[in-house]
Protein backbone atom coordinates (compact mmCIF):
# COMPACT_ATOMS: atom_id res chain seq x y z
CA UNK A 1 11.63 -3.15 -0.88
CA UNK A 2 9.67 -0.10 -2.00
CA UNK A 3 12.18 2.63 -2.88
CA UNK A 4 10.72 6.12 -3.39
CA UNK A 5 12.50 9.31 -4.34
CA UNK A 6 11.23 12.89 -4.01
CA UNK A 7 11.21 15.08 -7.12
CA UNK A 8 10.03 18.62 -7.82
CA UNK A 9 7.96 18.99 -10.98
CA UNK A 10 6.19 21.93 -12.58
CA UNK A 11 2.46 21.42 -13.17
CA UNK A 12 1.72 21.63 -16.93
CA UNK A 13 -1.58 23.39 -16.14
CA UNK A 14 -0.96 25.97 -13.39
CA UNK A 15 2.86 26.10 -13.51
CA UNK A 16 3.29 25.62 -9.75
CA UNK A 17 6.25 23.60 -8.53
CA UNK A 18 5.10 20.60 -6.49
CA UNK A 19 6.93 17.83 -4.63
CA UNK A 20 6.05 14.30 -5.74
CA UNK A 21 7.23 10.88 -4.64
CA UNK A 22 8.42 8.64 -7.47
CA UNK A 23 8.36 4.86 -7.04
CA UNK A 24 11.79 3.67 -8.22
CA UNK A 25 10.81 -0.01 -8.17
CA UNK A 26 10.01 -0.11 -11.91
CA UNK A 27 12.32 0.75 -14.81
CA UNK A 28 9.54 2.40 -16.85
CA UNK A 29 6.08 3.53 -15.78
CA UNK A 30 3.29 5.87 -16.81
CA UNK A 31 0.50 7.00 -14.52
CA UNK A 32 -1.82 9.93 -13.75
CA UNK A 33 -1.68 11.94 -10.53
CA UNK A 34 -3.67 15.08 -9.70
CA UNK A 35 -1.85 18.38 -9.15
CA UNK A 36 -1.73 19.24 -5.43
CA UNK A 37 -2.53 22.90 -6.26
CA UNK A 38 -5.07 22.99 -9.13
CA UNK A 39 -6.30 19.36 -8.89
CA UNK A 40 -6.01 18.74 -12.66
CA UNK A 41 -4.72 15.34 -13.87
CA UNK A 42 -1.00 15.22 -14.75
CA UNK A 43 0.37 12.34 -16.83
CA UNK A 44 3.73 11.15 -15.50
CA UNK A 45 6.24 9.21 -17.59
CA UNK A 46 9.09 7.86 -15.48
CA UNK A 47 12.22 6.04 -16.63
CA UNK A 48 14.65 4.60 -14.12
CA UNK A 49 18.04 3.53 -15.43
CA UNK A 50 20.52 2.55 -12.76
CA UNK A 51 21.11 5.63 -10.60
CA UNK A 52 19.32 8.08 -12.91
CA UNK A 53 15.60 8.85 -12.89
CA UNK A 54 13.94 10.86 -15.65
CA UNK A 55 10.49 12.28 -14.91
CA UNK A 56 8.42 13.86 -17.70
CA UNK A 57 5.00 15.40 -17.09
CA UNK A 58 2.33 16.55 -19.53
CA UNK A 59 -1.33 17.50 -19.89
CA UNK A 60 -3.74 14.59 -19.76
CA UNK A 61 -4.78 15.08 -23.41
CA UNK A 62 -1.34 15.44 -25.02
């Protein structure tokens, strides 16, 4: 089953708050997704431990 959860993040480039869907299937994942506002690439680091999900975002080159 593909479990997704909605999160609000702040774009590290333009600062806008955007809604993103996080795939909770994996315990740890890292991927790149473009900002819905400024279209720049955001690196996502996601950790899922039990009922808690931690989402960190950063510039592509950090």
